Amino acid sequence: MTGLARALIVTLIKITDVGQVMEQSEVQALADKLDKLIERCDKLEKDNALLRELQDDWNRERAQLMHKNDLAKNKIEAMIGRLRALEHH
């Protein structure tokens, strides 16, 4: 049982009505569920961080491709301008 799960269980026990006592098996089942939830949250945080890194990579690559596209467009426009100028001479 993780420290966080244990702290949550203790808090839950404290706020439970005095007349209600949680069985040890209920406490353990709740602790197990909390541990799984914490593990899932940890995994989601790692996955999210990885996805953000991938997104940053894609955004950088996109910016580079857009820049290259602009350079190519400008070169083509310049060539077309020179060809038109040659036609008029």
PDB file of N, CA and C in Angstrom:
ATOM      1  N   MET A   1       0.855  -1.165   0.000  1.00  0.00           N
ATOM      2  CA  MET A   1       0.000   0.000   0.000  1.00  0.00           C
ATOM      3  C   MET A   1       0.905   1.233   0.000  1.00  0.00           C
ATOM      4  N   THR A   2       0.621   2.157  -0.898  1.00  0.00           N
ATOM      5  CA  THR A   2       1.438   3.365  -0.975  1.00  0.00           C
ATOM      6  C   THR A   2       1.116   4.294   0.181  1.00  0.00           C
ATOM      7  N   GLY A   3       2.018   5.221   0.424  1.00  0.00           N
ATOM      8  CA  GLY A   3       1.812   6.185   1.506  1.00  0.00           C
ATOM      9  C   GLY A   3       0.562   7.011   1.290  1.00  0.00           C
ATOM     10  N   LEU A   4       0.317   7.397   0.038  1.00  0.00           N
ATOM     11  CA  LEU A   4      -0.871   8.196  -0.262  1.00  0.00           C
ATOM     12  C   LEU A   4      -2.133   7.390  -0.016  1.00  0.00           C
ATOM     13  N   ALA A   5      -2.135   6.143  -0.439  1.00  0.00           N
ATOM     14  CA  ALA A   5      -3.304   5.289  -0.222  1.00  0.00           C
ATOM     15  C   ALA A   5      -3.557   5.108   1.269  1.00  0.00           C
ATOM     16  N   ARG A   6      -2.490   4.893   2.026  1.00  0.00           N
ATOM     17  CA  ARG A   6      -2.626   4.716   3.473  1.00  0.00           C
ATOM     18  C   ARG A   6      -3.197   5.983   4.112  1.00  0.00           C
ATOM     19  N   ALA A   7      -2.710   7.140   3.697  1.00  0.00           N
ATOM     20  CA  ALA A   7      -3.199   8.403   4.256  1.00  0.00           C
ATOM     21  C   ALA A   7      -4.671   8.607   3.927  1.00  0.00           C
ATOM     22  N   LEU A   8      -5.062   8.251   2.706  1.00  0.00           N
ATOM     23  CA  LEU A   8      -6.467   8.391   2.332  1.00  0.00           C
ATOM     24  C   LEU A   8      -7.349   7.441   3.131  1.00  0.00           C
ATOM     25  N   ILE A   9      -6.874   6.233   3.349  1.00  0.00           N
ATOM     26  CA  ILE A   9      -7.636   5.262   4.139  1.00  0.00           C
ATOM     27  C   ILE A   9      -7.811   5.773   5.558  1.00  0.00           C
ATOM     28  N   VAL A  10      -6.743   6.260   6.157  1.00  0.00           N
ATOM     29  CA  VAL A  10      -6.823   6.775   7.527  1.00  0.00           C
ATOM     30  C   VAL A  10      -7.821   7.917   7.589  1.00  0.00           C
ATOM     31  N   THR A  11      -7.779   8.800   6.607  1.00  0.00           N
ATOM     32  CA  THR A  11      -8.725   9.913   6.571  1.00  0.00           C
ATOM     33  C   THR A  11     -10.147   9.405   6.439  1.00  0.00           C
ATOM     34  N   LEU A  12     -10.358   8.426   5.562  1.00  0.00           N
ATOM     35  CA  LEU A  12     -11.700   7.870   5.395  1.00  0.00           C
ATOM     36  C   LEU A  12     -12.201   7.228   6.679  1.00  0.00           C
ATOM     37  N   ILE A  13     -11.328   6.533   7.369  1.00  0.00           N
ATOM     38  CA  ILE A  13     -11.728   5.893   8.626  1.00  0.00           C
ATOM     39  C   ILE A  13     -12.114   6.955   9.642  1.00  0.00           C
ATOM     40  N   LYS A  14     -11.370   8.050   9.684  1.00  0.00           N
ATOM     41  CA  LYS A  14     -11.659   9.111  10.648  1.00  0.00           C
ATOM     42  C   LYS A  14     -12.994   9.781  10.373  1.00  0.00           C
ATOM     43  N   ILE A  15     -13.352   9.936   9.085  1.00  0.00           N
ATOM     44  CA  ILE A  15     -14.600  10.636   8.785  1.00  0.00           C
ATOM     45  C   ILE A  15     -15.806   9.705   8.740  1.00  0.00           C
ATOM     46  N   THR A  16     -15.585   8.407   8.879  1.00  0.00           N
ATOM     47  CA  THR A  16     -16.697   7.470   8.905  1.00  0.00           C
ATOM     48  C   THR A  16     -17.465   7.650  10.208  1.00  0.00           C
ATOM     49  N   ASP A  17     -18.765   7.453  10.137  1.00  0.00           N
ATOM     50  CA  ASP A  17     -19.580   7.564  11.351  1.00  0.00           C
ATOM     51  C   ASP A  17     -19.030   6.648  12.433  1.00  0.00           C
ATOM     52  N   VAL A  18     -19.156   7.095  13.675  1.00  0.00           N
ATOM     53  CA  VAL A  18     -18.645   6.322  14.808  1.00  0.00           C
ATOM     54  C   VAL A  18     -19.284   4.941  14.855  1.00  0.00           C
ATOM     55  N   GLY A  19     -20.551   4.846  14.500  1.00  0.00           N
ATOM     56  CA  GLY A  19     -21.260   3.575  14.538  1.00  0.00           C
ATOM     57  C   GLY A  19     -20.845   2.632  13.423  1.00  0.00           C
ATOM     58  N   GLN A  20     -20.207   3.163  12.385  1.00  0.00           N
ATOM     59  CA  GLN A  20     -19.796   2.323  11.261  1.00  0.00           C
ATOM     60  C   GLN A  20     -18.311   2.024  11.381  1.00  0.00           C
ATOM     61  N   VAL A  21     -18.001   0.775  11.360  1.00  0.00           N
ATOM     62  CA  VAL A  21     -16.599   0.367  11.410  1.00  0.00           C
ATOM     63  C   VAL A  21     -16.309  -0.401  10.127  1.00  0.00           C
ATOM     64  N   MET A  22     -15.263   0.013   9.452  1.00  0.00           N
ATOM     65  CA  MET A  22     -14.897  -0.687   8.221  1.00  0.00           C
ATOM     66  C   MET A  22     -14.166  -1.973   8.585  1.00  0.00           C
ATOM     67  N   GLU A  23     -14.540  -3.030   7.926  1.00  0.00           N
ATOM     68  CA  GLU A  23     -13.860  -4.300   8.107  1.00  0.00           C
ATOM     69  C   GLU A  23     -12.466  -4.197   7.497  1.00  0.00           C
ATOM     70  N   GLN A  24     -11.541  -4.987   8.030  1.00  0.00           N
ATOM     71  CA  GLN A  24     -10.174  -4.975   7.512  1.00  0.00           C
ATOM     72  C   GLN A  24     -10.153  -5.318   6.026  1.00  0.00           C
ATOM     73  N   SER A  25     -11.001  -6.262   5.623  1.00  0.00           N
ATOM     74  CA  SER A  25     -11.036  -6.640   4.205  1.00  0.00           C
ATOM     75  C   SER A  25     -11.528  -5.480   3.347  1.00  0.00           C
ATOM     76  N   GLU A  26     -12.467  -4.680   3.873  1.00  0.00           N
ATOM     77  CA  GLU A  26     -12.953  -3.507   3.140  1.00  0.00           C
ATOM     78  C   GLU A  26     -11.854  -2.455   3.019  1.00  0.00           C
ATOM     79  N   VAL A  27     -11.120  -2.282   4.108  1.00  0.00           N
ATOM     80  CA  VAL A  27     -10.018  -1.323   4.099  1.00  0.00           C
ATOM     81  C   VAL A  27      -8.965  -1.766   3.087  1.00  0.00           C
ATOM     82  N   GLN A  28      -8.639  -3.057   3.098  1.00  0.00           N
ATOM     83  CA  GLN A  28      -7.635  -3.569   2.163  1.00  0.00           C
ATOM     84  C   GLN A  28      -8.117  -3.444   0.724  1.00  0.00           C
ATOM     85  N   ALA A  29      -9.395  -3.760   0.481  1.00  0.00           N
ATOM     86  CA  ALA A  29      -9.944  -3.647  -0.876  1.00  0.00           C
ATOM     87  C   ALA A  29      -9.888  -2.199  -1.353  1.00  0.00           C
ATOM     88  N   LEU A  30     -10.223  -1.284  -0.460  1.00  0.00           N
ATOM     89  CA  LEU A  30     -10.169   0.137  -0.801  1.00  0.00           C
ATOM     90  C   LEU A  30      -8.728   0.575  -1.060  1.00  0.00           C
ATOM     91  N   ALA A  31      -7.821   0.097  -0.236  1.00  0.00           N
ATOM     92  CA  ALA A  31      -6.405   0.432  -0.423  1.00  0.00           C
ATOM     93  C   ALA A  31      -5.895  -0.105  -1.760  1.00  0.00           C
ATOM     94  N   ASP A  32      -6.299  -1.321  -2.110  1.00  0.00           N
ATOM     95  CA  ASP A  32      -5.891  -1.904  -3.393  1.00  0.00           C
ATOM     96  C   ASP A  32      -6.420  -1.078  -4.561  1.00  0.00           C
ATOM     97  N   LYS A  33      -7.683  -0.661  -4.456  1.00  0.00           N
ATOM     98  CA  LYS A  33      -8.266   0.167  -5.512  1.00  0.00           C
ATOM     99  C   LYS A  33      -7.537   1.501  -5.625  1.00  0.00           C
ATOM    100  N   LEU A  34      -7.195   2.074  -4.490  1.00  0.00           N
ATOM    101  CA  LEU A  34      -6.462   3.340  -4.506  1.00  0.00           C
ATOM    102  C   LEU A  34      -5.081   3.169  -5.118  1.00  0.00           C
ATOM    103  N   ASP A  35      -4.414   2.077  -4.776  1.00  0.00           N
ATOM    104  CA  ASP A  35      -3.099   1.808  -5.365  1.00  0.00           C
ATOM    105  C   ASP A  35      -3.194   1.701  -6.886  1.00  0.00           C
ATOM    106  N   LYS A  36      -4.216   0.987  -7.369  1.00  0.00           N
ATOM    107  CA  LYS A  36      -4.401   0.852  -8.813  1.00  0.00           C
ATOM    108  C   LYS A  36      -4.694   2.206  -9.448  1.00  0.00           C
ATOM    109  N   LEU A  37      -5.494   3.008  -8.779  1.00  0.00           N
ATOM    110  CA  LEU A  37      -5.815   4.341  -9.288  1.00  0.00           C
ATOM    111  C   LEU A  37      -4.570   5.220  -9.346  1.00  0.00           C
ATOM    112  N   ILE A  38      -3.757   5.137  -8.311  1.00  0.00           N
ATOM    113  CA  ILE A  38      -2.512   5.915  -8.281  1.00  0.00           C
ATOM    114  C   ILE A  38      -1.577   5.452  -9.392  1.00  0.00           C
ATOM    115  N   GLU A  39      -1.461   4.139  -9.584  1.00  0.00           N
ATOM    116  CA  GLU A  39      -0.621   3.608 -10.666  1.00  0.00           C
ATOM    117  C   GLU A  39      -1.127   4.086 -12.021  1.00  0.00           C
ATOM    118  N   ARG A  40      -2.444   4.063 -12.197  1.00  0.00           N
ATOM    119  CA  ARG A  40      -3.031   4.507 -13.464  1.00  0.00           C
ATOM    120  C   ARG A  40      -2.752   5.989 -13.697  1.00  0.00           C
ATOM    121  N   CYS A  41      -2.878   6.785 -12.648  1.00  0.00           N
ATOM    122  CA  CYS A  41      -2.588   8.219 -12.762  1.00  0.00           C
ATOM    123  C   CYS A  41      -1.125   8.445 -13.125  1.00  0.00           C
ATOM    124  N   ASP A  42      -0.234   7.702 -12.484  1.00  0.00           N
ATOM    125  CA  ASP A  42       1.194   7.818 -12.800  1.00  0.00           C
ATOM    126  C   ASP A  42       1.454   7.477 -14.265  1.00  0.00           C
ATOM    127  N   LYS A  43       0.836   6.389 -14.730  1.00  0.00           N
ATOM    128  CA  LYS A  43       1.014   5.985 -16.129  1.00  0.00           C
ATOM    129  C   LYS A  43       0.461   7.050 -17.065  1.00  0.00           C
ATOM    130  N   LEU A  44      -0.701   7.589 -16.746  1.00  0.00           N
ATOM    131  CA  LEU A  44      -1.289   8.625 -17.593  1.00  0.00           C
ATOM    132  C   LEU A  44      -0.421   9.876 -17.632  1.00  0.00           C
ATOM    133  N   GLU A  45       0.182  10.222 -16.502  1.00  0.00           N
ATOM    134  CA  GLU A  45       1.076  11.382 -16.473  1.00  0.00           C
ATOM    135  C   GLU A  45       2.289  11.145 -17.367  1.00  0.00           C
ATOM    136  N   LYS A  46       2.850   9.932 -17.310  1.00  0.00           N
ATOM    137  CA  LYS A  46       3.999   9.607 -18.167  1.00  0.00           C
ATOM    138  C   LYS A  46       3.596   9.615 -19.640  1.00  0.00           C
ATOM    139  N   ASP A  47       2.450   8.993 -19.934  1.00  0.00           N
ATOM    140  CA  ASP A  47       1.965   8.971 -21.315  1.00  0.00           C
ATOM    141  C   ASP A  47       1.722  10.390 -21.823  1.00  0.00           C
ATOM    142  N   ASN A  48       1.132  11.223 -20.979  1.00  0.00           N
ATOM    143  CA  ASN A  48       0.839  12.600 -21.353  1.00  0.00           C
ATOM    144  C   ASN A  48       2.128  13.365 -21.639  1.00  0.00           C
ATOM    145  N   ALA A  49       3.134  13.160 -20.805  1.00  0.00           N
ATOM    146  CA  ALA A  49       4.423  13.833 -21.018  1.00  0.00           C
ATOM    147  C   ALA A  49       5.037  13.388 -22.346  1.00  0.00           C
ATOM    148  N   LEU A  50       4.964  12.087 -22.630  1.00  0.00           N
ATOM    149  CA  LEU A  50       5.495  11.569 -23.890  1.00  0.00           C
ATOM    150  C   LEU A  50       4.740  12.166 -25.077  1.00  0.00           C
ATOM    151  N   LEU A  51       3.425  12.232 -24.976  1.00  0.00           N
ATOM    152  CA  LEU A  51       2.625  12.795 -26.062  1.00  0.00           C
ATOM    153  C   LEU A  51       2.935  14.274 -26.271  1.00  0.00           C
ATOM    154  N   ARG A  52       3.175  14.996 -25.186  1.00  0.00           N
ATOM    155  CA  ARG A  52       3.543  16.415 -25.314  1.00  0.00           C
ATOM    156  C   ARG A  52       4.893  16.559 -26.016  1.00  0.00           C
ATOM    157  N   GLU A  53       5.833  15.686 -25.699  1.00  0.00           N
ATOM    158  CA  GLU A  53       7.133  15.715 -26.378  1.00  0.00           C
ATOM    159  C   GLU A  53       6.965  15.435 -27.869  1.00  0.00           C
ATOM    160  N   LEU A  54       6.148  14.430 -28.190  1.00  0.00           N
ATOM    161  CA  LEU A  54       5.899  14.115 -29.595  1.00  0.00           C
ATOM    162  C   LEU A  54       5.230  15.282 -30.309  1.00  0.00           C
ATOM    163  N   GLN A  55       4.290  15.910 -29.639  1.00  0.00           N
ATOM    164  CA  GLN A  55       3.607  17.062 -30.224  1.00  0.00           C
ATOM    165  C   GLN A  55       4.602  18.195 -30.485  1.00  0.00           C
ATOM    166  N   ASP A  56       5.487  18.433 -29.543  1.00  0.00           N
ATOM    167  CA  ASP A  56       6.514  19.463 -29.730  1.00  0.00           C
ATOM    168  C   ASP A  56       7.404  19.126 -30.926  1.00  0.00           C
ATOM    169  N   ASP A  57       7.778  17.849 -31.046  1.00  0.00           N
ATOM    170  CA  ASP A  57       8.597  17.417 -32.184  1.00  0.00           C
ATOM    171  C   ASP A  57       7.867  17.663 -33.505  1.00  0.00           C
ATOM    172  N   TRP A  58       6.584  17.274 -33.550  1.00  0.00           N
ATOM    173  CA  TRP A  58       5.801  17.477 -34.772  1.00  0.00           C
ATOM    174  C   TRP A  58       5.664  18.961 -35.089  1.00  0.00           C
ATOM    175  N   ASN A  59       5.465  19.789 -34.067  1.00  0.00           N
ATOM    176  CA  ASN A  59       5.337  21.231 -34.301  1.00  0.00           C
ATOM    177  C   ASN A  59       6.635  21.822 -34.841  1.00  0.00           C
ATOM    178  N   ARG A  60       7.772  21.374 -34.303  1.00  0.00           N
ATOM    179  CA  ARG A  60       9.064  21.842 -34.814  1.00  0.00           C
ATOM    180  C   ARG A  60       9.258  21.408 -36.270  1.00  0.00           C
ATOM    181  N   GLU A  61       8.943  20.143 -36.543  1.00  0.00           N
ATOM    182  CA  GLU A  61       9.091  19.645 -37.911  1.00  0.00           C
ATOM    183  C   GLU A  61       8.171  20.406 -38.865  1.00  0.00           C
ATOM    184  N   ARG A  62       6.963  20.678 -38.429  1.00  0.00           N
ATOM    185  CA  ARG A  62       6.006  21.430 -39.251  1.00  0.00           C
ATOM    186  C   ARG A  62       6.546  22.823 -39.559  1.00  0.00           C
ATOM    187  N   ALA A  63       7.094  23.489 -38.546  1.00  0.00           N
ATOM    188  CA  ALA A  63       7.649  24.828 -38.747  1.00  0.00           C
ATOM    189  C   ALA A  63       8.803  24.786 -39.747  1.00  0.00           C
ATOM    190  N   GLN A  64       9.654  23.769 -39.643  1.00  0.00           N
ATOM    191  CA  GLN A  64      10.772  23.634 -40.587  1.00  0.00           C
ATOM    192  C   GLN A  64      10.266  23.405 -42.007  1.00  0.00           C
ATOM    193  N   LEU A  65       9.256  22.550 -42.146  1.00  0.00           N
ATOM    194  CA  LEU A  65       8.709  22.273 -43.473  1.00  0.00           C
ATOM    195  C   LEU A  65       8.034  23.505 -44.067  1.00  0.00           C
ATOM    196  N   MET A  66       7.346  24.257 -43.228  1.00  0.00           N
ATOM    197  CA  MET A  66       6.715  25.486 -43.717  1.00  0.00           C
ATOM    198  C   MET A  66       7.776  26.483 -44.183  1.00  0.00           C
ATOM    199  N   HIS A  67       8.867  26.578 -43.450  1.00  0.00           N
ATOM    200  CA  HIS A  67       9.955  27.475 -43.838  1.00  0.00           C
ATOM    201  C   HIS A  67      10.559  27.034 -45.176  1.00  0.00           C
ATOM    202  N   LYS A  68      10.813  25.735 -45.315  1.00  0.00           N
ATOM    203  CA  LYS A  68      11.357  25.218 -46.573  1.00  0.00           C
ATOM    204  C   LYS A  68      10.382  25.461 -47.724  1.00  0.00           C
ATOM    205  N   ASN A  69       9.098  25.294 -47.445  1.00  0.00           N
ATOM    206  CA  ASN A  69       8.075  25.527 -48.457  1.00  0.00           C
ATOM    207  C   ASN A  69       8.084  26.991 -48.899  1.00  0.00           C
ATOM    208  N   ASP A  70       8.205  27.903 -47.949  1.00  0.00           N
ATOM    209  CA  ASP A  70       8.275  29.333 -48.285  1.00  0.00           C
ATOM    210  C   ASP A  70       9.500  29.640 -49.134  1.00  0.00           C
ATOM    211  N   LEU A  71      10.644  29.048 -48.781  1.00  0.00           N
ATOM    212  CA  LEU A  71      11.860  29.260 -49.571  1.00  0.00           C
ATOM    213  C   LEU A  71      11.674  28.765 -51.003  1.00  0.00           C
ATOM    214  N   ALA A  72      11.113  27.572 -51.137  1.00  0.00           N
ATOM    215  CA  ALA A  72      10.886  27.005 -52.470  1.00  0.00           C
ATOM    216  C   ALA A  72       9.899  27.869 -53.253  1.00  0.00           C
ATOM    217  N   LYS A  73       8.845  28.314 -52.602  1.00  0.00           N
ATOM    218  CA  LYS A  73       7.845  29.170 -53.254  1.00  0.00           C
ATOM    219  C   LYS A  73       8.490  30.456 -53.755  1.00  0.00           C
ATOM    220  N   ASN A  74       9.312  31.079 -52.931  1.00  0.00           N
ATOM    221  CA  ASN A  74       9.983  32.317 -53.330  1.00  0.00           C
ATOM    222  C   ASN A  74      10.922  32.088 -54.513  1.00  0.00           C
ATOM    223  N   LYS A  75      11.647  30.977 -54.508  1.00  0.00           N
ATOM    224  CA  LYS A  75      12.546  30.669 -55.627  1.00  0.00           C
ATOM    225  C   LYS A  75      11.760  30.454 -56.914  1.00  0.00           C
ATOM    226  N   ILE A  76      10.650  29.732 -56.817  1.00  0.00           N
ATOM    227  CA  ILE A  76       9.822  29.468 -57.999  1.00  0.00           C
ATOM    228  C   ILE A  76       9.229  30.768 -58.527  1.00  0.00           C
ATOM    229  N   GLU A  77       8.738  31.614 -57.624  1.00  0.00           N
ATOM    230  CA  GLU A  77       8.185  32.900 -58.054  1.00  0.00           C
ATOM    231  C   GLU A  77       9.255  33.751 -58.731  1.00  0.00           C
ATOM    232  N   ALA A  78      10.469  33.714 -58.219  1.00  0.00           N
ATOM    233  CA  ALA A  78      11.569  34.467 -58.831  1.00  0.00           C
ATOM    234  C   ALA A  78      11.879  33.918 -60.223  1.00  0.00           C
ATOM    235  N   MET A  79      11.880  32.585 -60.369  1.00  0.00           N
ATOM    236  CA  MET A  79      12.134  31.982 -61.684  1.00  0.00           C
ATOM    237  C   MET A  79      11.039  32.366 -62.675  1.00  0.00           C
ATOM    238  N   ILE A  80       9.799  32.326 -62.228  1.00  0.00           N
ATOM    239  CA  ILE A  80       8.680  32.697 -63.100  1.00  0.00           C
ATOM    240  C   ILE A  80       8.825  34.152 -63.526  1.00  0.00           C
ATOM    241  N   GLY A  81       9.203  35.001 -62.588  1.00  0.00           N
ATOM    242  CA  GLY A  81       9.417  36.414 -62.920  1.00  0.00           C
ATOM    243  C   GLY A  81      10.511  36.587 -63.959  1.00  0.00           C
ATOM    244  N   ARG A  82      11.596  35.861 -63.832  1.00  0.00           N
ATOM    245  CA  ARG A  82      12.690  35.948 -64.806  1.00  0.00           C
ATOM    246  C   ARG A  82      12.250  35.415 -66.172  1.00  0.00           C
ATOM    247  N   LEU A  83      11.477  34.323 -66.175  1.00  0.00           N
ATOM    248  CA  LEU A  83      10.983  33.773 -67.444  1.00  0.00           C
ATOM    249  C   LEU A  83      10.061  34.761 -68.145  1.00  0.00           C
ATOM    250  N   ARG A  84       9.192  35.406 -67.394  1.00  0.00           N
ATOM    251  CA  ARG A  84       8.291  36.407 -67.983  1.00  0.00           C
ATOM    252  C   ARG A  84       9.084  37.584 -68.540  1.00  0.00           C
ATOM    253  N   ALA A  85      10.114  37.964 -67.806  1.00  0.00           N
ATOM    254  CA  ALA A  85      10.951  39.075 -68.277  1.00  0.00           C
ATOM    255  C   ALA A  85      11.650  38.691 -69.578  1.00  0.00           C
ATOM    256  N   LEU A  86      12.086  37.431 -69.696  1.00  0.00           N
ATOM    257  CA  LEU A  86      12.729  36.975 -70.925  1.00  0.00           C
ATOM    258  C   LEU A  86      11.749  36.945 -72.097  1.00  0.00           C
ATOM    259  N   GLU A  87      10.477  36.616 -71.821  1.00  0.00           N
ATOM    260  CA  GLU A  87       9.457  36.567 -72.869  1.00  0.00           C
ATOM    261  C   GLU A  87       9.225  37.944 -73.470  1.00  0.00           C
ATOM    262  N   HIS A  88       9.315  38.985 -72.652  1.00  0.00           N
ATOM    263  CA  HIS A  88       9.002  40.335 -73.097  1.00  0.00           C
ATOM    264  C   HIS A  88      10.185  41.004 -73.778  1.00  0.00           C
ATOM    265  N   HIS A  89      11.304  40.396 -73.846  1.00  0.00           N
ATOM    266  CA  HIS A  89      12.470  40.998 -74.514  1.00  0.00           C
ATOM    267  C   HIS A  89      12.564  40.560 -75.907  1.00  0.00           C
TER     268      HIS A  89
END
